[in-house]
C-alpha cells in the first residue's frame, strides 16, 4: 500500500528538499497535491481532495529518514530484565 506514492516521493525528493524542506507533502497516486506547514493541514487537504475511500501519502520532507525500530520506540529492549 502506498508503494506508488512512496516511489513518487523518492523521485521528487531533491526538488522537494529545495522547495519544501521541513514541510509535509501530500501525494495521491502519481499526483503531488501540495506542501503544508503541519501534518494536520496536509492530512486535511488529502481528505478534501481524495476523500476517505482511497489512501494518500502524507510525509515530511527531510534529508534522511530516521530508522524506526519498534523495540526502541516502545521501550521493549530491556522489558524482560
PDB file of N, CA and C in Angstrom:
ATOM      1  N   UNK A   1       0.840  -1.173   0.000  1.00  0.00           N
ATOM      2  CA  UNK A   1       0.000   0.000   0.000  1.00  0.00           C
ATOM      3  C   UNK A   1       0.894   1.248   0.000  1.00  0.00           C
ATOM      4  N   UNK A   2       0.553   2.212  -0.773  1.00  0.00           N
ATOM      5  CA  UNK A   2       1.282   3.475  -0.929  1.00  0.00           C
ATOM      6  C   UNK A   2       2.638   3.312  -1.605  1.00  0.00           C
ATOM      7  N   UNK A   3       2.867   2.170  -2.249  1.00  0.00           N
ATOM      8  CA  UNK A   3       4.138   1.973  -2.964  1.00  0.00           C
ATOM      9  C   UNK A   3       4.321   3.004  -4.071  1.00  0.00           C
ATOM     10  N   UNK A   4       3.260   3.254  -4.821  1.00  0.00           N
ATOM     11  CA  UNK A   4       3.338   4.217  -5.927  1.00  0.00           C
ATOM     12  C   UNK A   4       3.630   5.625  -5.394  1.00  0.00           C
ATOM     13  N   UNK A   5       2.939   6.003  -4.312  1.00  0.00           N
ATOM     14  CA  UNK A   5       3.127   7.322  -3.726  1.00  0.00           C
ATOM     15  C   UNK A   5       4.538   7.485  -3.156  1.00  0.00           C
ATOM     16  N   UNK A   6       5.036   6.444  -2.515  1.00  0.00           N
ATOM     17  CA  UNK A   6       6.390   6.484  -1.966  1.00  0.00           C
ATOM     18  C   UNK A   6       7.417   6.600  -3.081  1.00  0.00           C
ATOM     19  N   UNK A   7       7.189   5.907  -4.169  1.00  0.00           N
ATOM     20  CA  UNK A   7       8.083   5.998  -5.327  1.00  0.00           C
ATOM     21  C   UNK A   7       8.097   7.413  -5.901  1.00  0.00           C
ATOM     22  N   UNK A   8       6.924   8.033  -5.996  1.00  0.00           N
ATOM     23  CA  UNK A   8       6.836   9.414  -6.486  1.00  0.00           C
ATOM     24  C   UNK A   8       7.593  10.344  -5.541  1.00  0.00           C
ATOM     25  N   UNK A   9       7.411  10.160  -4.230  1.00  0.00           N
ATOM     26  CA  UNK A   9       8.115  10.983  -3.253  1.00  0.00           C
ATOM     27  C   UNK A   9       9.626  10.870  -3.441  1.00  0.00           C
ATOM     28  N   UNK A  10      10.126   9.650  -3.555  1.00  0.00           N
ATOM     29  CA  UNK A  10      11.569   9.448  -3.711  1.00  0.00           C
ATOM     30  C   UNK A  10      12.076  10.056  -5.018  1.00  0.00           C
ATOM     31  N   UNK A  11      11.301   9.950  -6.057  1.00  0.00           N
ATOM     32  CA  UNK A  11      11.680  10.534  -7.344  1.00  0.00           C
ATOM     33  C   UNK A  11      11.740  12.056  -7.258  1.00  0.00           C
ATOM     34  N   UNK A  12      10.875  12.641  -6.454  1.00  0.00           N
ATOM     35  CA  UNK A  12      10.785  14.091  -6.309  1.00  0.00           C
ATOM     36  C   UNK A  12      11.647  14.641  -5.177  1.00  0.00           C
ATOM     37  N   UNK A  13      12.288  13.769  -4.391  1.00  0.00           N
ATOM     38  CA  UNK A  13      12.939  14.172  -3.141  1.00  0.00           C
ATOM     39  C   UNK A  13      13.864  15.384  -3.292  1.00  0.00           C
ATOM     40  N   UNK A  14      14.743  15.392  -4.294  1.00  0.00           N
ATOM     41  CA  UNK A  14      15.686  16.507  -4.440  1.00  0.00           C
ATOM     42  C   UNK A  14      14.954  17.835  -4.634  1.00  0.00           C
ATOM     43  N   UNK A  15      13.946  17.849  -5.497  1.00  0.00           N
ATOM     44  CA  UNK A  15      13.170  19.075  -5.724  1.00  0.00           C
ATOM     45  C   UNK A  15      12.381  19.454  -4.473  1.00  0.00           C
ATOM     46  N   UNK A  16      11.836  18.467  -3.794  1.00  0.00           N
ATOM     47  CA  UNK A  16      11.092  18.742  -2.567  1.00  0.00           C
ATOM     48  C   UNK A  16      12.009  19.340  -1.506  1.00  0.00           C
ATOM     49  N   UNK A  17      13.219  18.813  -1.390  1.00  0.00           N
ATOM     50  CA  UNK A  17      14.173  19.360  -0.415  1.00  0.00           C
ATOM     51  C   UNK A  17      14.530  20.804  -0.741  1.00  0.00           C
ATOM     52  N   UNK A  18      14.669  21.126  -2.010  1.00  0.00           N
ATOM     53  CA  UNK A  18      14.992  22.503  -2.407  1.00  0.00           C
ATOM     54  C   UNK A  18      13.849  23.459  -2.121  1.00  0.00           C
ATOM     55  N   UNK A  19      12.623  23.007  -2.366  1.00  0.00           N
ATOM     56  CA  UNK A  19      11.479  23.921  -2.321  1.00  0.00           C
ATOM     57  C   UNK A  19      10.571  23.793  -1.107  1.00  0.00           C
ATOM     58  N   UNK A  20      10.620  22.649  -0.411  1.00  0.00           N
ATOM     59  CA  UNK A  20       9.641  22.405   0.660  1.00  0.00           C
ATOM     60  C   UNK A  20      10.247  21.730   1.888  1.00  0.00           C
ATOM     61  N   UNK A  21      11.536  21.910   2.121  1.00  0.00           N
ATOM     62  CA  UNK A  21      12.210  21.253   3.258  1.00  0.00           C
ATOM     63  C   UNK A  21      11.469  21.546   4.565  1.00  0.00           C
ATOM     64  N   UNK A  22      11.221  20.474   5.314  1.00  0.00           N
ATOM     65  CA  UNK A  22      10.562  20.596   6.609  1.00  0.00           C
ATOM     66  C   UNK A  22       9.052  20.591   6.542  1.00  0.00           C
ATOM     67  N   UNK A  23       8.496  20.761   5.364  1.00  0.00           N
ATOM     68  CA  UNK A  23       7.033  20.777   5.222  1.00  0.00           C
ATOM     69  C   UNK A  23       6.512  19.354   5.048  1.00  0.00           C
ATOM     70  N   UNK A  24       5.210  19.224   5.092  1.00  0.00           N
ATOM     71  CA  UNK A  24       4.536  17.946   4.907  1.00  0.00           C
ATOM     72  C   UNK A  24       3.868  17.960   3.539  1.00  0.00           C
ATOM     73  N   UNK A  25       4.177  16.957   2.734  1.00  0.00           N
ATOM     74  CA  UNK A  25       3.611  16.898   1.390  1.00  0.00           C
ATOM     75  C   UNK A  25       2.535  15.827   1.328  1.00  0.00           C
ATOM     76  N   UNK A  26       1.630  16.021   0.373  1.00  0.00           N
ATOM     77  CA  UNK A  26       0.554  15.072   0.129  1.00  0.00           C
ATOM     78  C   UNK A  26       0.706  14.564  -1.298  1.00  0.00           C
ATOM     79  N   UNK A  27       0.714  13.242  -1.437  1.00  0.00           N
ATOM     80  CA  UNK A  27       0.817  12.629  -2.756  1.00  0.00           C
ATOM     81  C   UNK A  27      -0.256  11.553  -2.849  1.00  0.00           C
ATOM     82  N   UNK A  28      -1.000  11.604  -3.944  1.00  0.00           N
ATOM     83  CA  UNK A  28      -2.013  10.585  -4.229  1.00  0.00           C
ATOM     84  C   UNK A  28      -1.721  10.005  -5.598  1.00  0.00           C
ATOM     85  N   UNK A  29      -1.497   8.706  -5.626  1.00  0.00           N
ATOM     86  CA  UNK A  29      -1.087   8.001  -6.832  1.00  0.00           C
ATOM     87  C   UNK A  29       0.147   8.691  -7.417  1.00  0.00           C
ATOM     88  N   UNK A  30       0.063   9.322  -8.569  1.00  0.00           N
ATOM     89  CA  UNK A  30       1.227   9.982  -9.180  1.00  0.00           C
ATOM     90  C   UNK A  30       1.149  11.505  -9.043  1.00  0.00           C
ATOM     91  N   UNK A  31       0.181  11.987  -8.283  1.00  0.00           N
ATOM     92  CA  UNK A  31      -0.079  13.428  -8.222  1.00  0.00           C
ATOM     93  C   UNK A  31       0.393  14.054  -6.901  1.00  0.00           C
ATOM     94  N   UNK A  32       1.199  15.105  -7.022  1.00  0.00           N
ATOM     95  CA  UNK A  32       1.634  15.911  -5.881  1.00  0.00           C
ATOM     96  C   UNK A  32       0.523  16.907  -5.599  1.00  0.00           C
ATOM     97  N   UNK A  33      -0.065  16.832  -4.409  1.00  0.00           N
ATOM     98  CA  UNK A  33      -1.210  17.680  -4.075  1.00  0.00           C
ATOM     99  C   UNK A  33      -0.833  18.955  -3.338  1.00  0.00           C
ATOM    100  N   UNK A  34       0.392  19.036  -2.835  1.00  0.00           N
ATOM    101  CA  UNK A  34       0.804  20.260  -2.171  1.00  0.00           C
ATOM    102  C   UNK A  34       1.703  20.018  -0.982  1.00  0.00           C
ATOM    103  N   UNK A  35       2.238  21.122  -0.451  1.00  0.00           N
ATOM    104  CA  UNK A  35       3.107  21.097   0.725  1.00  0.00           C
ATOM    105  C   UNK A  35       2.499  22.005   1.788  1.00  0.00           C
ATOM    106  N   UNK A  36       2.569  21.562   3.043  1.00  0.00           N
ATOM    107  CA  UNK A  36       1.885  22.247   4.128  1.00  0.00           C
ATOM    108  C   UNK A  36       2.783  22.347   5.355  1.00  0.00           C
ATOM    109  N   UNK A  37       2.511  23.344   6.194  1.00  0.00           N
ATOM    110  CA  UNK A  37       3.333  23.574   7.379  1.00  0.00           C
ATOM    111  C   UNK A  37       3.140  22.518   8.463  1.00  0.00           C
ATOM    112  N   UNK A  38       1.966  21.920   8.521  1.00  0.00           N
ATOM    113  CA  UNK A  38       1.698  20.917   9.548  1.00  0.00           C
ATOM    114  C   UNK A  38       1.156  19.638   8.918  1.00  0.00           C
ATOM    115  N   UNK A  39       1.348  18.537   9.619  1.00  0.00           N
ATOM    116  CA  UNK A  39       0.803  17.255   9.168  1.00  0.00           C
ATOM    117  C   UNK A  39      -0.719  17.307   9.146  1.00  0.00           C
ATOM    118  N   UNK A  40      -1.308  18.018  10.107  1.00  0.00           N
ATOM    119  CA  UNK A  40      -2.759  18.123  10.175  1.00  0.00           C
ATOM    120  C   UNK A  40      -3.320  18.828   8.934  1.00  0.00           C
ATOM    121  N   UNK A  41      -2.659  19.918   8.520  1.00  0.00           N
ATOM    122  CA  UNK A  41      -3.125  20.627   7.325  1.00  0.00           C
ATOM    123  C   UNK A  41      -2.967  19.759   6.081  1.00  0.00           C
ATOM    124  N   UNK A  42      -1.866  19.020   6.004  1.00  0.00           N
ATOM    125  CA  UNK A  42      -1.632  18.134   4.867  1.00  0.00           C
ATOM    126  C   UNK A  42      -2.700  17.044   4.827  1.00  0.00           C
ATOM    127  N   UNK A  43      -2.977  16.451   5.965  1.00  0.00           N
ATOM    128  CA  UNK A  43      -3.995  15.404   6.034  1.00  0.00           C
ATOM    129  C   UNK A  43      -5.368  15.954   5.643  1.00  0.00           C
ATOM    130  N   UNK A  44      -5.670  17.136   6.133  1.00  0.00           N
ATOM    131  CA  UNK A  44      -6.952  17.769   5.789  1.00  0.00           C
ATOM    132  C   UNK A  44      -7.094  17.982   4.289  1.00  0.00           C
ATOM    133  N   UNK A  45      -6.016  18.402   3.639  1.00  0.00           N
ATOM    134  CA  UNK A  45      -6.054  18.592   2.184  1.00  0.00           C
ATOM    135  C   UNK A  45      -6.230  17.251   1.480  1.00  0.00           C
ATOM    136  N   UNK A  46      -5.562  16.220   1.968  1.00  0.00           N
ATOM    137  CA  UNK A  46      -5.733  14.893   1.382  1.00  0.00           C
ATOM    138  C   UNK A  46      -7.170  14.422   1.470  1.00  0.00           C
ATOM    139  N   UNK A  47      -7.789  14.615   2.612  1.00  0.00           N
ATOM    140  CA  UNK A  47      -9.198  14.238   2.790  1.00  0.00           C
ATOM    141  C   UNK A  47     -10.092  15.076   1.872  1.00  0.00           C
ATOM    142  N   UNK A  48      -9.796  16.364   1.769  1.00  0.00           N
ATOM    143  CA  UNK A  48     -10.609  17.250   0.934  1.00  0.00           C
ATOM    144  C   UNK A  48     -10.543  16.846  -0.541  1.00  0.00           C
ATOM    145  N   UNK A  49      -9.336  16.522  -1.024  1.00  0.00           N
ATOM    146  CA  UNK A  49      -9.151  16.229  -2.444  1.00  0.00           C
ATOM    147  C   UNK A  49      -9.452  14.769  -2.778  1.00  0.00           C
ATOM    148  N   UNK A  50      -8.951  13.855  -1.969  1.00  0.00           N
ATOM    149  CA  UNK A  50      -9.048  12.422  -2.278  1.00  0.00           C
ATOM    150  C   UNK A  50     -10.260  11.779  -1.631  1.00  0.00           C
ATOM    151  N   UNK A  51     -10.601  12.237  -0.439  1.00  0.00           N
ATOM    152  CA  UNK A  51     -11.683  11.614   0.317  1.00  0.00           C
ATOM    153  C   UNK A  51     -11.137  10.544   1.242  1.00  0.00           C
ATOM    154  N   UNK A  52     -12.028   9.764   1.788  1.00  0.00           N
ATOM    155  CA  UNK A  52     -11.628   8.749   2.759  1.00  0.00           C
ATOM    156  C   UNK A  52     -11.624   7.339   2.183  1.00  0.00           C
ATOM    157  N   UNK A  53     -12.011   7.184   0.940  1.00  0.00           N
ATOM    158  CA  UNK A  53     -12.100   5.831   0.370  1.00  0.00           C
ATOM    159  C   UNK A  53     -10.810   5.365  -0.298  1.00  0.00           C
ATOM    160  N   UNK A  54      -9.857   6.266  -0.510  1.00  0.00           N
ATOM    161  CA  UNK A  54      -8.587   5.902  -1.143  1.00  0.00           C
ATOM    162  C   UNK A  54      -7.426   6.387  -0.285  1.00  0.00           C
ATOM    163  N   UNK A  55      -6.327   5.629  -0.270  1.00  0.00           N
ATOM    164  CA  UNK A  55      -5.165   6.058   0.515  1.00  0.00           C
ATOM    165  C   UNK A  55      -4.385   7.164  -0.187  1.00  0.00           C
ATOM    166  N   UNK A  56      -3.710   7.975   0.608  1.00  0.00           N
ATOM    167  CA  UNK A  56      -2.798   9.001   0.105  1.00  0.00           C
ATOM    168  C   UNK A  56      -1.661   9.117   1.093  1.00  0.00           C
ATOM    169  N   UNK A  57      -0.544   9.637   0.612  1.00  0.00           N
ATOM    170  CA  UNK A  57       0.659   9.736   1.432  1.00  0.00           C
ATOM    171  C   UNK A  57       0.810  11.142   1.983  1.00  0.00           C
ATOM    172  N   UNK A  58       1.058  11.235   3.276  1.00  0.00           N
ATOM    173  CA  UNK A  58       1.465  12.480   3.927  1.00  0.00           C
ATOM    174  C   UNK A  58       2.835  12.195   4.509  1.00  0.00           C
ATOM    175  N   UNK A  59       3.832  12.964   4.078  1.00  0.00           N
ATOM    176  CA  UNK A  59       5.200  12.695   4.521  1.00  0.00           C
ATOM    177  C   UNK A  59       5.964  14.007   4.669  1.00  0.00           C
ATOM    178  N   UNK A  60       6.751  14.102   5.731  1.00  0.00           N
ATOM    179  CA  UNK A  60       7.568  15.294   5.939  1.00  0.00           C
ATOM    180  C   UNK A  60       8.807  15.221   5.054  1.00  0.00           C
ATOM    181  N   UNK A  61       9.161  16.349   4.488  1.00  0.00           N
ATOM    182  CA  UNK A  61      10.320  16.436   3.603  1.00  0.00           C
ATOM    183  C   UNK A  61      11.551  16.726   4.451  1.00  0.00           C
ATOM    184  N   UNK A  62      12.361  15.700   4.632  1.00  0.00           N
ATOM    185  CA  UNK A  62      13.617  15.826   5.374  1.00  0.00           C
ATOM    186  C   UNK A  62      14.708  15.127   4.575  1.00  0.00           C
ATOM    187  N   UNK A  63      15.957  15.505   4.852  1.00  0.00           N
ATOM    188  CA  UNK A  63      17.066  14.957   4.079  1.00  0.00           C
ATOM    189  C   UNK A  63      17.155  13.443   4.199  1.00  0.00           C
ATOM    190  N   UNK A  64      17.104  12.938   5.407  1.00  0.00           N
ATOM    191  CA  UNK A  64      17.166  11.493   5.629  1.00  0.00           C
ATOM    192  C   UNK A  64      16.079  11.115   6.614  1.00  0.00           C
ATOM    193  N   UNK A  65      15.507   9.957   6.394  1.00  0.00           N
ATOM    194  CA  UNK A  65      14.508   9.451   7.321  1.00  0.00           C
ATOM    195  C   UNK A  65      15.214   8.673   8.419  1.00  0.00           C
ATOM    196  N   UNK A  66      14.845   8.932   9.649  1.00  0.00           N
ATOM    197  CA  UNK A  66      15.410   8.180  10.768  1.00  0.00           C
ATOM    198  C   UNK A  66      14.883   6.757  10.734  1.00  0.00           C
ATOM    199  N   UNK A  67      15.719   5.838  11.138  1.00  0.00           N
ATOM    200  CA  UNK A  67      15.294   4.440  11.199  1.00  0.00           C
ATOM    201  C   UNK A  67      14.257   4.283  12.305  1.00  0.00           C
ATOM    202  N   UNK A  68      13.238   3.531  12.023  1.00  0.00           N
ATOM    203  CA  UNK A  68      12.217   3.261  13.023  1.00  0.00           C
ATOM    204  C   UNK A  68      12.427   1.843  13.530  1.00  0.00           C
ATOM    205  N   UNK A  69      12.696   1.734  14.816  1.00  0.00           N
ATOM    206  CA  UNK A  69      12.904   0.433  15.436  1.00  0.00           C
ATOM    207  C   UNK A  69      11.861   0.303  16.541  1.00  0.00           C
ATOM    208  N   UNK A  70      10.792  -0.450  16.270  1.00  0.00           N
ATOM    209  CA  UNK A  70       9.692  -0.517  17.237  1.00  0.00           C
ATOM    210  C   UNK A  70      10.123  -0.882  18.650  1.00  0.00           C
ATOM    211  N   UNK A  71      11.080  -1.777  18.803  1.00  0.00           N
ATOM    212  CA  UNK A  71      11.520  -2.159  20.149  1.00  0.00           C
ATOM    213  C   UNK A  71      12.098  -0.965  20.900  1.00  0.00           C
ATOM    214  N   UNK A  72      12.800  -0.079  20.193  1.00  0.00           N
ATOM    215  CA  UNK A  72      13.329   1.122  20.843  1.00  0.00           C
ATOM    216  C   UNK A  72      12.210   2.110  21.133  1.00  0.00           C
ATOM    217  N   UNK A  73      11.344   2.323  20.144  1.00  0.00           N
ATOM    218  CA  UNK A  73      10.246   3.269  20.299  1.00  0.00           C
ATOM    219  C   UNK A  73       9.349   2.884  21.454  1.00  0.00           C
ATOM    220  N   UNK A  74       9.075   1.612  21.589  1.00  0.00           N
ATOM    221  CA  UNK A  74       8.167   1.142  22.625  1.00  0.00           C
ATOM    222  C   UNK A  74       8.858   0.808  23.937  1.00  0.00           C
ATOM    223  N   UNK A  75      10.177   0.922  23.968  1.00  0.00           N
ATOM    224  CA  UNK A  75      10.925   0.640  25.190  1.00  0.00           C
ATOM    225  C   UNK A  75      10.961  -0.832  25.565  1.00  0.00           C
ATOM    226  N   UNK A  76      10.977  -1.693  24.553  1.00  0.00           N
ATOM    227  CA  UNK A  76      10.903  -3.126  24.824  1.00  0.00           C
ATOM    228  C   UNK A  76      12.245  -3.830  24.906  1.00  0.00           C
ATOM    229  N   UNK A  77      13.346  -3.144  24.584  1.00  0.00           N
ATOM    230  CA  UNK A  77      14.644  -3.822  24.567  1.00  0.00           C
ATOM    231  C   UNK A  77      15.022  -4.375  25.932  1.00  0.00           C
ATOM    232  N   UNK A  78      14.678  -3.684  26.991  1.00  0.00           N
ATOM    233  CA  UNK A  78      15.043  -4.134  28.336  1.00  0.00           C
ATOM    234  C   UNK A  78      13.825  -4.564  29.124  1.00  0.00           C
ATOM    235  N   UNK A  79      12.735  -4.857  28.446  1.00  0.00           N
ATOM    236  CA  UNK A  79      11.471  -5.170  29.115  1.00  0.00           C
ATOM    237  C   UNK A  79      11.549  -6.442  29.972  1.00  0.00           C
ATOM    238  N   UNK A  80      12.378  -7.407  29.551  1.00  0.00           N
ATOM    239  CA  UNK A  80      12.443  -8.673  30.285  1.00  0.00           C
ATOM    240  C   UNK A  80      13.439  -8.668  31.433  1.00  0.00           C
ATOM    241  N   UNK A  81      14.140  -7.587  31.647  1.00  0.00           N
ATOM    242  CA  UNK A  81      15.175  -7.545  32.694  1.00  0.00           C
ATOM    243  C   UNK A  81      14.650  -7.061  33.997  1.00  0.00           C
TER     244      UNK A  81
END
